[in-house]
């Protein structure tokens, strides 16, 4: 059942963007934005993987924003093959920064959302850390990400159809900074029957970065 509590909209470059914002009680010191998988294949901000990643941040005390890329759900505009979607994410960052000016910002994404997030914000100085699940390394050019020195977590199913764990490790070896790769045995691209392990990997990474700030 979809939880619509926190539904909101913010302005994007192609029109208004539909979103869900979950806030912790009290002052917000940390905020996370989670990007969804490919909208032409049914991906929305309500995707199960996106929800689990968001929940890991929520349970650690973050304000968490999920949003629909242009042309998805009630977001205006039309799909732009990952280019305009990068601007959508930048608009989401501005929205979060306006609400929580002093909060640390984390960025996350699943599949297409991971590709958008990494390509748009890999070098963004505003990002404290990045979380990418099901990174489709066989589908997109990630060469610009190599200079990103932010702490990064890559979670991949050992049976991922859109980016093998081995290809991901080769890619991550070219990327600067502190990078953690978590391969979940038996999991496919959508982490079917392995969502608790994904949740735990994200939770552990948050704790690790918070314990050893860089």
N, C-alpha and C. Protein backbone atom coordinates (compact mmCIF):
# COMPACT_ATOMS: atom_id res chain seq x y z
N UNK A 1 0.85 -1.20 0.00
CA UNK A 1 0.00 0.00 0.00
C UNK A 1 0.89 1.25 0.00
N UNK A 2 0.62 2.18 -0.91
CA UNK A 2 1.43 3.37 -1.04
C UNK A 2 1.12 4.36 0.08
N UNK A 3 2.15 4.81 0.77
CA UNK A 3 2.01 5.80 1.83
C UNK A 3 2.17 7.18 1.21
N UNK A 4 1.10 7.97 1.18
CA UNK A 4 1.13 9.27 0.54
C UNK A 4 1.38 10.41 1.52
N UNK A 5 1.62 10.08 2.78
CA UNK A 5 1.92 11.11 3.77
C UNK A 5 3.17 11.87 3.35
N UNK A 6 3.11 13.18 3.33
CA UNK A 6 4.27 13.98 2.96
C UNK A 6 4.30 14.35 1.49
N UNK A 7 3.23 14.06 0.75
CA UNK A 7 3.19 14.43 -0.66
C UNK A 7 3.38 15.93 -0.84
N UNK A 8 4.19 16.31 -1.83
CA UNK A 8 4.45 17.71 -2.08
C UNK A 8 4.84 17.89 -3.54
N UNK A 9 5.04 19.12 -3.95
CA UNK A 9 5.53 19.45 -5.29
C UNK A 9 6.60 20.52 -5.17
N UNK A 10 7.53 20.52 -6.11
CA UNK A 10 8.48 21.64 -6.21
C UNK A 10 8.71 21.94 -7.68
N UNK A 11 9.26 23.11 -7.94
CA UNK A 11 9.45 23.55 -9.32
C UNK A 11 10.68 22.90 -9.94
N UNK A 12 10.50 22.37 -11.16
CA UNK A 12 11.60 21.81 -11.92
C UNK A 12 11.74 22.52 -13.24
N UNK A 13 12.78 22.23 -14.00
CA UNK A 13 13.01 22.93 -15.26
C UNK A 13 11.98 22.63 -16.34
N UNK A 14 11.23 21.51 -16.19
CA UNK A 14 10.20 21.16 -17.17
C UNK A 14 8.80 21.29 -16.59
N UNK A 15 8.68 21.96 -15.46
CA UNK A 15 7.39 22.10 -14.79
C UNK A 15 7.47 21.57 -13.37
N UNK A 16 6.32 21.48 -12.72
CA UNK A 16 6.34 21.06 -11.32
C UNK A 16 6.65 19.57 -11.21
N UNK A 17 7.30 19.21 -10.11
CA UNK A 17 7.75 17.85 -9.87
C UNK A 17 7.05 17.30 -8.64
N UNK A 18 6.49 16.12 -8.79
CA UNK A 18 5.79 15.44 -7.69
C UNK A 18 6.80 14.76 -6.78
N UNK A 19 6.58 14.86 -5.49
CA UNK A 19 7.55 14.30 -4.55
C UNK A 19 6.87 13.87 -3.25
N UNK A 20 7.61 13.12 -2.47
CA UNK A 20 7.22 12.77 -1.10
C UNK A 20 8.39 13.12 -0.19
N UNK A 21 8.11 13.91 0.83
CA UNK A 21 9.13 14.33 1.78
C UNK A 21 8.77 13.80 3.16
N UNK A 22 9.66 12.99 3.71
CA UNK A 22 9.48 12.47 5.07
C UNK A 22 10.47 13.18 5.99
N UNK A 23 9.95 13.76 7.05
CA UNK A 23 10.79 14.53 7.97
C UNK A 23 10.83 13.87 9.34
N UNK A 24 12.00 13.88 9.98
CA UNK A 24 12.09 13.36 11.35
C UNK A 24 11.56 14.40 12.32
N UNK A 25 11.27 14.00 13.54
CA UNK A 25 10.90 14.99 14.56
C UNK A 25 12.10 15.86 14.90
N UNK A 26 11.85 17.10 15.22
CA UNK A 26 12.94 17.98 15.63
C UNK A 26 13.68 18.59 14.45
N UNK A 27 14.83 19.13 14.75
CA UNK A 27 15.64 19.83 13.75
C UNK A 27 16.24 18.85 12.75
N UNK A 28 16.26 19.25 11.49
CA UNK A 28 16.84 18.41 10.43
C UNK A 28 18.30 18.77 10.23
N UNK A 29 19.19 17.83 10.54
CA UNK A 29 20.62 18.03 10.36
C UNK A 29 21.18 17.28 9.15
N UNK A 30 20.39 16.30 8.67
CA UNK A 30 20.82 15.49 7.53
C UNK A 30 19.62 15.25 6.62
N UNK A 31 19.87 15.33 5.33
CA UNK A 31 18.79 15.11 4.36
C UNK A 31 19.32 14.24 3.23
N UNK A 32 18.45 13.40 2.69
CA UNK A 32 18.81 12.51 1.59
C UNK A 32 17.78 12.62 0.48
N UNK A 33 18.26 12.50 -0.75
CA UNK A 33 17.40 12.45 -1.93
C UNK A 33 17.62 11.10 -2.60
N UNK A 34 16.53 10.41 -2.92
CA UNK A 34 16.62 9.07 -3.53
C UNK A 34 15.93 9.10 -4.90
N UNK A 35 16.65 8.66 -5.93
CA UNK A 35 16.17 8.71 -7.31
C UNK A 35 15.68 7.33 -7.77
N UNK A 36 14.62 7.33 -8.57
CA UNK A 36 13.94 6.08 -8.93
C UNK A 36 14.44 5.48 -10.26
N UNK A 37 14.09 4.22 -10.54
CA UNK A 37 14.53 3.54 -11.76
C UNK A 37 13.79 4.05 -13.01
N UNK A 38 14.08 3.44 -14.14
CA UNK A 38 13.66 3.95 -15.45
C UNK A 38 12.15 4.07 -15.57
N UNK A 39 11.65 5.28 -15.83
CA UNK A 39 10.20 5.46 -15.89
C UNK A 39 9.53 4.79 -17.08
N UNK A 40 10.26 4.56 -18.16
CA UNK A 40 9.65 3.89 -19.32
C UNK A 40 9.45 2.41 -19.09
N UNK A 41 9.99 1.90 -17.98
CA UNK A 41 9.81 0.49 -17.62
C UNK A 41 9.11 0.37 -16.26
N UNK A 42 8.32 1.37 -15.94
CA UNK A 42 7.51 1.31 -14.73
C UNK A 42 8.13 1.90 -13.48
N UNK A 43 9.30 2.50 -13.59
CA UNK A 43 9.96 3.04 -12.42
C UNK A 43 9.33 4.33 -11.93
N UNK A 44 9.07 4.40 -10.62
CA UNK A 44 8.56 5.61 -9.98
C UNK A 44 9.19 5.74 -8.60
N UNK A 45 8.84 6.82 -7.92
CA UNK A 45 9.36 7.02 -6.56
C UNK A 45 8.79 6.02 -5.57
N UNK A 46 7.77 5.24 -5.99
CA UNK A 46 7.18 4.23 -5.11
C UNK A 46 7.83 2.86 -5.29
N UNK A 47 8.84 2.76 -6.12
CA UNK A 47 9.54 1.48 -6.34
C UNK A 47 10.02 0.89 -5.02
N UNK A 48 9.97 -0.45 -4.90
CA UNK A 48 10.32 -1.12 -3.65
C UNK A 48 11.76 -0.88 -3.21
N UNK A 49 12.67 -0.87 -4.18
CA UNK A 49 14.08 -0.65 -3.84
C UNK A 49 14.29 0.79 -3.35
N UNK A 50 13.69 1.73 -4.06
CA UNK A 50 13.77 3.14 -3.65
C UNK A 50 13.20 3.31 -2.25
N UNK A 51 12.07 2.67 -2.00
CA UNK A 51 11.44 2.77 -0.68
C UNK A 51 12.35 2.23 0.41
N UNK A 52 13.01 1.10 0.16
CA UNK A 52 13.88 0.51 1.19
C UNK A 52 15.10 1.39 1.44
N UNK A 53 15.67 1.94 0.39
CA UNK A 53 16.81 2.85 0.59
C UNK A 53 16.37 4.06 1.40
N UNK A 54 15.22 4.63 1.02
CA UNK A 54 14.70 5.78 1.75
C UNK A 54 14.45 5.44 3.21
N UNK A 55 13.91 4.26 3.46
CA UNK A 55 13.61 3.84 4.83
C UNK A 55 14.90 3.73 5.67
N UNK A 56 15.97 3.27 5.06
CA UNK A 56 17.25 3.19 5.79
C UNK A 56 17.69 4.58 6.24
N UNK A 57 17.52 5.57 5.38
CA UNK A 57 17.86 6.94 5.77
C UNK A 57 16.89 7.46 6.83
N UNK A 58 15.61 7.21 6.65
CA UNK A 58 14.61 7.69 7.60
C UNK A 58 14.87 7.15 9.00
N UNK A 59 15.18 5.87 9.09
CA UNK A 59 15.37 5.27 10.40
C UNK A 59 16.66 5.71 11.06
N UNK A 60 17.50 6.42 10.31
CA UNK A 60 18.73 6.96 10.87
C UNK A 60 18.58 8.44 11.19
N UNK A 61 17.37 8.98 11.02
CA UNK A 61 17.11 10.35 11.41
C UNK A 61 17.21 11.39 10.31
N UNK A 62 17.28 10.95 9.05
CA UNK A 62 17.34 11.88 7.93
C UNK A 62 15.94 12.37 7.55
N UNK A 63 15.87 13.58 7.00
CA UNK A 63 14.74 13.97 6.17
C UNK A 63 15.00 13.34 4.80
N UNK A 64 13.99 12.74 4.18
CA UNK A 64 14.20 12.01 2.93
C UNK A 64 13.21 12.47 1.87
N UNK A 65 13.75 12.83 0.72
CA UNK A 65 12.93 13.24 -0.42
C UNK A 65 13.02 12.19 -1.52
N UNK A 66 11.85 11.68 -1.91
CA UNK A 66 11.72 10.89 -3.14
C UNK A 66 10.92 11.72 -4.12
N UNK A 67 11.24 11.65 -5.39
CA UNK A 67 10.49 12.44 -6.37
C UNK A 67 10.38 11.69 -7.68
N UNK A 68 9.38 12.05 -8.47
CA UNK A 68 9.21 11.47 -9.80
C UNK A 68 9.89 12.34 -10.84
N UNK A 69 10.74 11.71 -11.66
CA UNK A 69 11.35 12.44 -12.76
C UNK A 69 10.28 12.98 -13.70
N UNK A 70 10.66 13.93 -14.53
CA UNK A 70 9.74 14.54 -15.49
C UNK A 70 8.96 13.49 -16.29
N UNK A 71 7.66 13.74 -16.46
CA UNK A 71 6.82 12.84 -17.23
C UNK A 71 6.38 11.59 -16.49
N UNK A 72 6.72 11.49 -15.22
CA UNK A 72 6.38 10.32 -14.42
C UNK A 72 5.36 10.71 -13.35
N UNK A 73 4.32 9.90 -13.17
CA UNK A 73 3.31 10.23 -12.18
C UNK A 73 2.70 11.59 -12.50
N UNK A 74 2.70 12.47 -11.50
CA UNK A 74 2.15 13.81 -11.69
C UNK A 74 3.22 14.86 -11.99
N UNK A 75 4.45 14.41 -12.25
CA UNK A 75 5.50 15.36 -12.64
C UNK A 75 5.31 15.78 -14.09
N UNK A 76 5.43 17.06 -14.34
CA UNK A 76 5.24 17.59 -15.68
C UNK A 76 6.47 17.37 -16.55
N UNK A 77 6.29 17.55 -17.86
CA UNK A 77 7.39 17.35 -18.80
C UNK A 77 7.33 15.98 -19.44
N UNK A 78 8.36 15.67 -20.23
CA UNK A 78 8.46 14.38 -20.91
C UNK A 78 9.83 13.77 -20.65
N UNK A 79 9.88 12.45 -20.69
CA UNK A 79 11.13 11.73 -20.46
C UNK A 79 12.23 12.23 -21.39
N UNK A 80 13.45 12.35 -20.87
CA UNK A 80 14.56 12.93 -21.64
C UNK A 80 15.80 12.05 -21.62
N UNK A 81 15.60 10.73 -21.49
CA UNK A 81 16.70 9.76 -21.63
C UNK A 81 17.87 10.03 -20.67
N UNK A 82 17.55 10.56 -19.50
CA UNK A 82 18.57 10.73 -18.47
C UNK A 82 19.29 12.06 -18.49
N UNK A 83 19.03 12.90 -19.49
CA UNK A 83 19.70 14.20 -19.56
C UNK A 83 18.92 15.25 -18.76
N UNK A 84 17.68 15.51 -19.17
CA UNK A 84 16.85 16.44 -18.42
C UNK A 84 16.62 15.98 -16.99
N UNK A 85 16.64 14.67 -16.79
CA UNK A 85 16.44 14.13 -15.44
C UNK A 85 17.56 14.56 -14.50
N UNK A 86 18.74 14.80 -15.03
CA UNK A 86 19.81 15.32 -14.19
C UNK A 86 19.47 16.72 -13.68
N UNK A 87 18.81 17.50 -14.53
CA UNK A 87 18.37 18.83 -14.09
C UNK A 87 17.24 18.72 -13.08
N UNK A 88 16.39 17.70 -13.23
CA UNK A 88 15.35 17.46 -12.22
C UNK A 88 15.98 17.22 -10.85
N UNK A 89 17.03 16.42 -10.83
CA UNK A 89 17.71 16.15 -9.57
C UNK A 89 18.35 17.42 -9.00
N UNK A 90 18.93 18.21 -9.85
CA UNK A 90 19.51 19.47 -9.37
C UNK A 90 18.43 20.38 -8.77
N UNK A 91 17.23 20.35 -9.37
CA UNK A 91 16.11 21.12 -8.81
C UNK A 91 15.71 20.56 -7.45
N UNK A 92 15.76 19.23 -7.31
CA UNK A 92 15.45 18.60 -6.02
C UNK A 92 16.47 19.02 -4.96
N UNK A 93 17.73 19.11 -5.36
CA UNK A 93 18.77 19.55 -4.42
C UNK A 93 18.49 20.98 -3.96
N UNK A 94 18.13 21.85 -4.90
CA UNK A 94 17.82 23.23 -4.52
C UNK A 94 16.63 23.29 -3.56
N UNK A 95 15.63 22.47 -3.83
CA UNK A 95 14.45 22.41 -2.96
C UNK A 95 14.84 22.01 -1.54
N UNK A 96 15.66 20.97 -1.42
CA UNK A 96 16.09 20.50 -0.10
C UNK A 96 16.97 21.53 0.59
N UNK A 97 17.85 22.15 -0.17
CA UNK A 97 18.75 23.15 0.43
C UNK A 97 17.98 24.37 0.95
N UNK A 98 16.92 24.74 0.25
CA UNK A 98 16.11 25.86 0.71
C UNK A 98 15.39 25.54 2.02
N UNK A 99 14.97 24.28 2.18
CA UNK A 99 14.27 23.88 3.39
C UNK A 99 15.22 23.64 4.56
N UNK A 100 16.39 23.08 4.26
CA UNK A 100 17.33 22.68 5.32
C UNK A 100 18.71 23.21 4.98
N UNK A 101 18.89 24.49 5.16
CA UNK A 101 20.11 25.16 4.69
C UNK A 101 21.38 24.63 5.34
N UNK A 102 21.28 24.15 6.56
CA UNK A 102 22.48 23.71 7.29
C UNK A 102 22.66 22.20 7.32
N UNK A 103 21.78 21.48 6.65
CA UNK A 103 21.82 20.01 6.73
C UNK A 103 22.86 19.42 5.79
N UNK A 104 23.49 18.34 6.23
CA UNK A 104 24.33 17.54 5.33
C UNK A 104 23.44 16.88 4.30
N UNK A 105 23.89 16.85 3.05
CA UNK A 105 23.10 16.29 1.96
C UNK A 105 23.71 14.99 1.46
N UNK A 106 22.91 13.93 1.41
CA UNK A 106 23.30 12.66 0.83
C UNK A 106 22.44 12.41 -0.40
N UNK A 107 23.01 11.73 -1.39
CA UNK A 107 22.29 11.42 -2.62
C UNK A 107 22.31 9.93 -2.87
N UNK A 108 21.19 9.40 -3.36
CA UNK A 108 21.10 7.97 -3.61
C UNK A 108 20.24 7.72 -4.85
N UNK A 109 20.40 6.54 -5.43
CA UNK A 109 19.58 6.19 -6.58
C UNK A 109 19.64 4.71 -6.86
N UNK A 110 18.61 4.24 -7.55
CA UNK A 110 18.54 2.84 -7.94
C UNK A 110 18.43 2.75 -9.46
N UNK A 111 19.29 1.93 -10.08
CA UNK A 111 19.25 1.64 -11.51
C UNK A 111 19.39 2.94 -12.32
N UNK A 112 18.42 3.26 -13.16
CA UNK A 112 18.43 4.52 -13.90
C UNK A 112 18.65 5.69 -12.96
N UNK A 113 18.03 5.65 -11.79
CA UNK A 113 18.21 6.72 -10.81
C UNK A 113 19.63 6.82 -10.31
N UNK A 114 20.31 5.68 -10.18
CA UNK A 114 21.72 5.70 -9.79
C UNK A 114 22.56 6.33 -10.89
N UNK A 115 22.23 6.01 -12.15
CA UNK A 115 22.96 6.59 -13.28
C UNK A 115 22.78 8.10 -13.33
N UNK A 116 21.54 8.56 -13.16
CA UNK A 116 21.27 10.00 -13.16
C UNK A 116 22.04 10.67 -12.02
N UNK A 117 21.96 10.08 -10.83
CA UNK A 117 22.60 10.66 -9.66
C UNK A 117 24.12 10.74 -9.82
N UNK A 118 24.74 9.66 -10.26
CA UNK A 118 26.19 9.64 -10.39
C UNK A 118 26.67 10.60 -11.47
N UNK A 119 25.97 10.64 -12.59
CA UNK A 119 26.40 11.48 -13.70
C UNK A 119 26.14 12.96 -13.43
N UNK A 120 25.08 13.26 -12.68
CA UNK A 120 24.74 14.65 -12.40
C UNK A 120 25.55 15.22 -11.25
N UNK A 121 25.78 14.42 -10.24
CA UNK A 121 26.26 14.96 -8.97
C UNK A 121 27.51 14.30 -8.43
N UNK A 122 28.15 13.48 -9.24
CA UNK A 122 29.35 12.82 -8.76
C UNK A 122 30.42 13.79 -8.28
N UNK A 123 30.46 14.97 -8.91
CA UNK A 123 31.46 15.97 -8.52
C UNK A 123 30.83 17.15 -7.78
N UNK A 124 29.58 17.02 -7.38
CA UNK A 124 28.88 18.11 -6.72
C UNK A 124 29.42 18.30 -5.30
N UNK A 125 29.93 19.47 -5.03
CA UNK A 125 30.55 19.70 -3.72
C UNK A 125 29.53 19.67 -2.60
N UNK A 126 28.23 19.79 -2.94
CA UNK A 126 27.21 19.81 -1.89
C UNK A 126 26.94 18.43 -1.32
N UNK A 127 27.29 17.40 -2.02
CA UNK A 127 26.95 16.04 -1.60
C UNK A 127 27.94 15.55 -0.55
N UNK A 128 27.41 15.06 0.55
CA UNK A 128 28.25 14.49 1.63
C UNK A 128 28.70 13.09 1.26
N UNK A 129 27.79 12.28 0.70
CA UNK A 129 28.10 10.90 0.33
C UNK A 129 27.06 10.42 -0.67
N UNK A 130 27.37 9.35 -1.39
CA UNK A 130 26.52 8.83 -2.45
C UNK A 130 26.24 7.35 -2.23
N UNK A 131 25.01 6.93 -2.55
CA UNK A 131 24.62 5.52 -2.47
C UNK A 131 24.01 5.13 -3.81
N UNK A 132 24.58 4.13 -4.47
CA UNK A 132 24.10 3.68 -5.78
C UNK A 132 23.77 2.19 -5.70
N UNK A 133 22.53 1.84 -6.01
CA UNK A 133 22.10 0.44 -6.01
C UNK A 133 21.77 0.02 -7.43
N UNK A 134 22.21 -1.18 -7.80
CA UNK A 134 21.92 -1.68 -9.14
C UNK A 134 22.44 -0.76 -10.23
N UNK A 135 23.66 -0.28 -10.08
CA UNK A 135 24.23 0.65 -11.07
C UNK A 135 24.36 -0.05 -12.42
N UNK A 136 23.71 0.49 -13.46
CA UNK A 136 23.74 -0.16 -14.79
C UNK A 136 25.01 0.18 -15.55
N UNK A 137 26.13 -0.38 -15.12
CA UNK A 137 27.42 0.00 -15.69
C UNK A 137 27.55 -0.38 -17.16
N UNK A 138 26.74 -1.32 -17.63
CA UNK A 138 26.81 -1.71 -19.04
C UNK A 138 25.94 -0.84 -19.93
N UNK A 139 25.19 0.10 -19.35
CA UNK A 139 24.22 0.89 -20.12
C UNK A 139 24.60 2.35 -20.30
N UNK A 140 25.44 2.89 -19.44
CA UNK A 140 25.71 4.32 -19.45
C UNK A 140 27.20 4.60 -19.34
N UNK A 141 27.58 5.81 -19.76
CA UNK A 141 28.96 6.27 -19.66
C UNK A 141 29.14 6.95 -18.30
N UNK A 142 30.00 6.39 -17.48
CA UNK A 142 30.24 6.94 -16.16
C UNK A 142 31.64 7.55 -16.03
N UNK A 143 32.25 7.91 -17.14
CA UNK A 143 33.64 8.38 -17.10
C UNK A 143 33.80 9.63 -16.25
N UNK A 144 32.79 10.50 -16.21
CA UNK A 144 32.90 11.73 -15.43
C UNK A 144 32.91 11.46 -13.93
N UNK A 145 32.47 10.30 -13.54
CA UNK A 145 32.37 9.98 -12.11
C UNK A 145 33.75 9.70 -11.52
N UNK A 146 34.73 9.41 -12.36
CA UNK A 146 36.04 8.95 -11.86
C UNK A 146 36.70 9.96 -10.94
N UNK A 147 36.38 11.25 -11.09
CA UNK A 147 37.02 12.27 -10.25
C UNK A 147 36.27 12.54 -8.95
N UNK A 148 35.18 11.83 -8.74
CA UNK A 148 34.39 12.05 -7.52
C UNK A 148 35.09 11.43 -6.32
N UNK A 149 35.40 12.26 -5.33
CA UNK A 149 36.12 11.75 -4.16
C UNK A 149 35.23 11.64 -2.92
N UNK A 150 33.91 11.72 -3.12
CA UNK A 150 32.99 11.56 -1.99
C UNK A 150 32.95 10.09 -1.55
N UNK A 151 32.63 9.83 -0.28
CA UNK A 151 32.39 8.44 0.12
C UNK A 151 31.22 7.88 -0.68
N UNK A 152 31.39 6.66 -1.18
CA UNK A 152 30.36 6.08 -2.05
C UNK A 152 30.13 4.62 -1.70
N UNK A 153 28.86 4.23 -1.72
CA UNK A 153 28.47 2.84 -1.57
C UNK A 153 27.83 2.38 -2.87
N UNK A 154 28.30 1.23 -3.37
CA UNK A 154 27.70 0.60 -4.53
C UNK A 154 27.17 -0.76 -4.09
N UNK A 155 25.86 -0.96 -4.19
CA UNK A 155 25.25 -2.24 -3.84
C UNK A 155 24.77 -2.89 -5.12
N UNK A 156 25.20 -4.12 -5.36
CA UNK A 156 24.87 -4.80 -6.61
C UNK A 156 24.47 -6.24 -6.33
N UNK A 157 23.43 -6.70 -7.02
CA UNK A 157 23.11 -8.11 -6.95
C UNK A 157 24.11 -8.93 -7.74
N UNK A 158 24.48 -10.07 -7.22
CA UNK A 158 25.45 -10.92 -7.92
C UNK A 158 24.90 -11.39 -9.26
N UNK A 159 23.58 -11.37 -9.43
CA UNK A 159 22.95 -11.82 -10.66
C UNK A 159 22.36 -10.65 -11.46
N UNK A 160 22.86 -9.44 -11.22
CA UNK A 160 22.31 -8.26 -11.89
C UNK A 160 22.44 -8.38 -13.40
N UNK A 161 21.34 -8.15 -14.11
CA UNK A 161 21.29 -8.31 -15.56
C UNK A 161 21.81 -7.09 -16.31
N UNK A 162 21.93 -5.95 -15.63
CA UNK A 162 22.29 -4.70 -16.32
C UNK A 162 23.64 -4.15 -15.91
N UNK A 163 24.39 -4.94 -15.20
CA UNK A 163 25.72 -4.54 -14.77
C UNK A 163 26.26 -5.60 -13.84
N UNK A 164 27.15 -6.44 -14.34
CA UNK A 164 27.65 -7.54 -13.51
C UNK A 164 28.45 -7.00 -12.34
N UNK A 165 28.51 -7.78 -11.30
CA UNK A 165 29.28 -7.37 -10.12
C UNK A 165 30.75 -7.18 -10.48
N UNK A 166 31.25 -8.00 -11.39
CA UNK A 166 32.66 -7.87 -11.80
C UNK A 166 32.88 -6.58 -12.58
N UNK A 167 31.97 -6.25 -13.48
CA UNK A 167 32.10 -4.99 -14.23
C UNK A 167 32.00 -3.80 -13.30
N UNK A 168 31.14 -3.91 -12.31
CA UNK A 168 31.03 -2.81 -11.35
C UNK A 168 32.33 -2.63 -10.59
N UNK A 169 32.94 -3.72 -10.15
CA UNK A 169 34.20 -3.62 -9.40
C UNK A 169 35.30 -3.00 -10.26
N UNK A 170 35.33 -3.34 -11.53
CA UNK A 170 36.33 -2.74 -12.43
C UNK A 170 36.11 -1.24 -12.56
N UNK A 171 34.85 -0.86 -12.68
CA UNK A 171 34.54 0.57 -12.76
C UNK A 171 34.92 1.28 -11.48
N UNK A 172 34.53 0.74 -10.33
CA UNK A 172 34.80 1.39 -9.05
C UNK A 172 36.29 1.54 -8.81
N UNK A 173 37.07 0.62 -9.33
CA UNK A 173 38.53 0.70 -9.17
C UNK A 173 39.12 1.92 -9.85
N UNK A 174 38.38 2.53 -10.77
CA UNK A 174 38.87 3.73 -11.48
C UNK A 174 38.39 5.02 -10.82
N UNK A 175 37.60 4.90 -9.79
CA UNK A 175 36.97 6.08 -9.18
C UNK A 175 37.73 6.50 -7.93
N UNK A 176 37.95 7.79 -7.79
CA UNK A 176 38.65 8.32 -6.63
C UNK A 176 37.78 8.22 -5.38
N UNK A 177 38.44 8.44 -4.24
CA UNK A 177 37.70 8.52 -2.99
C UNK A 177 37.56 7.18 -2.28
N UNK A 178 36.78 7.21 -1.21
CA UNK A 178 36.52 6.02 -0.40
C UNK A 178 35.28 5.34 -0.97
N UNK A 179 35.48 4.16 -1.55
CA UNK A 179 34.39 3.46 -2.22
C UNK A 179 34.19 2.08 -1.60
N UNK A 180 32.94 1.76 -1.34
CA UNK A 180 32.59 0.45 -0.80
C UNK A 180 31.66 -0.25 -1.78
N UNK A 181 32.01 -1.50 -2.11
CA UNK A 181 31.16 -2.31 -2.98
C UNK A 181 30.59 -3.46 -2.17
N UNK A 182 29.27 -3.56 -2.18
CA UNK A 182 28.58 -4.65 -1.49
C UNK A 182 27.85 -5.48 -2.52
N UNK A 183 28.32 -6.72 -2.71
CA UNK A 183 27.66 -7.65 -3.63
C UNK A 183 26.75 -8.57 -2.84
N UNK A 184 25.48 -8.62 -3.23
CA UNK A 184 24.52 -9.46 -2.52
C UNK A 184 24.31 -10.74 -3.32
N UNK A 185 24.76 -11.84 -2.76
CA UNK A 185 24.68 -13.12 -3.44
C UNK A 185 23.22 -13.53 -3.66
N UNK A 186 22.96 -14.06 -4.85
CA UNK A 186 21.62 -14.55 -5.16
C UNK A 186 20.63 -13.48 -5.60
N UNK A 187 21.04 -12.20 -5.52
CA UNK A 187 20.12 -11.11 -5.84
C UNK A 187 20.23 -10.75 -7.32
N UNK A 188 19.07 -10.42 -7.92
CA UNK A 188 19.04 -9.93 -9.29
C UNK A 188 19.05 -8.40 -9.27
N UNK A 189 18.76 -7.79 -10.41
CA UNK A 189 18.81 -6.34 -10.50
C UNK A 189 17.84 -5.67 -9.54
N UNK A 190 16.70 -6.31 -9.30
CA UNK A 190 15.66 -5.70 -8.46
C UNK A 190 15.72 -6.17 -7.01
N UNK A 191 16.76 -6.92 -6.65
CA UNK A 191 16.96 -7.38 -5.27
C UNK A 191 15.76 -8.15 -4.73
N UNK A 192 15.09 -8.89 -5.62
CA UNK A 192 13.96 -9.70 -5.18
C UNK A 192 14.39 -10.68 -4.08
N UNK A 193 13.63 -10.71 -3.00
CA UNK A 193 13.89 -11.56 -1.83
C UNK A 193 15.17 -11.17 -1.09
N UNK A 194 15.79 -10.07 -1.48
CA UNK A 194 17.02 -9.63 -0.81
C UNK A 194 16.96 -8.16 -0.38
N UNK A 195 15.76 -7.62 -0.30
CA UNK A 195 15.63 -6.22 0.10
C UNK A 195 16.12 -5.96 1.53
N UNK A 196 15.93 -6.89 2.47
CA UNK A 196 16.49 -6.64 3.81
C UNK A 196 18.01 -6.49 3.81
N UNK A 197 18.68 -7.24 2.93
CA UNK A 197 20.14 -7.12 2.84
C UNK A 197 20.55 -5.78 2.25
N UNK A 198 19.78 -5.30 1.28
CA UNK A 198 20.04 -3.97 0.73
C UNK A 198 19.86 -2.92 1.82
N UNK A 199 18.77 -3.01 2.55
CA UNK A 199 18.51 -2.07 3.65
C UNK A 199 19.67 -2.06 4.64
N UNK A 200 20.16 -3.24 4.99
CA UNK A 200 21.23 -3.32 5.97
C UNK A 200 22.53 -2.73 5.43
N UNK A 201 22.80 -2.96 4.15
CA UNK A 201 24.03 -2.42 3.54
C UNK A 201 24.02 -0.90 3.58
N UNK A 202 22.87 -0.30 3.27
CA UNK A 202 22.77 1.16 3.30
C UNK A 202 22.89 1.66 4.73
N UNK A 203 22.22 1.02 5.66
CA UNK A 203 22.29 1.42 7.07
C UNK A 203 23.71 1.34 7.60
N UNK A 204 24.42 0.27 7.27
CA UNK A 204 25.80 0.11 7.73
C UNK A 204 26.71 1.18 7.15
N UNK A 205 26.48 1.53 5.89
CA UNK A 205 27.30 2.56 5.25
C UNK A 205 27.07 3.92 5.89
N UNK A 206 25.82 4.24 6.17
CA UNK A 206 25.53 5.50 6.85
C UNK A 206 26.27 5.57 8.18
N UNK A 207 26.22 4.49 8.94
CA UNK A 207 26.90 4.45 10.24
C UNK A 207 28.40 4.59 10.07
N UNK A 208 28.96 3.97 9.05
CA UNK A 208 30.40 4.03 8.81
C UNK A 208 30.85 5.46 8.48
N UNK A 209 30.13 6.11 7.61
CA UNK A 209 30.50 7.48 7.22
C UNK A 209 30.32 8.43 8.39
N UNK A 210 29.25 8.26 9.15
CA UNK A 210 29.02 9.13 10.28
C UNK A 210 30.07 8.92 11.39
N UNK A 211 30.55 7.70 11.49
CA UNK A 211 31.56 7.38 12.52
C UNK A 211 32.92 7.93 12.14
N UNK A 212 33.22 7.96 10.84
CA UNK A 212 34.54 8.41 10.36
C UNK A 212 34.34 9.53 9.35
N UNK A 213 33.98 10.71 9.80
CA UNK A 213 33.73 11.82 8.86
C UNK A 213 34.97 12.16 8.06
N UNK A 214 34.73 12.52 6.78
CA UNK A 214 35.85 12.90 5.91
C UNK A 214 35.58 14.27 5.31
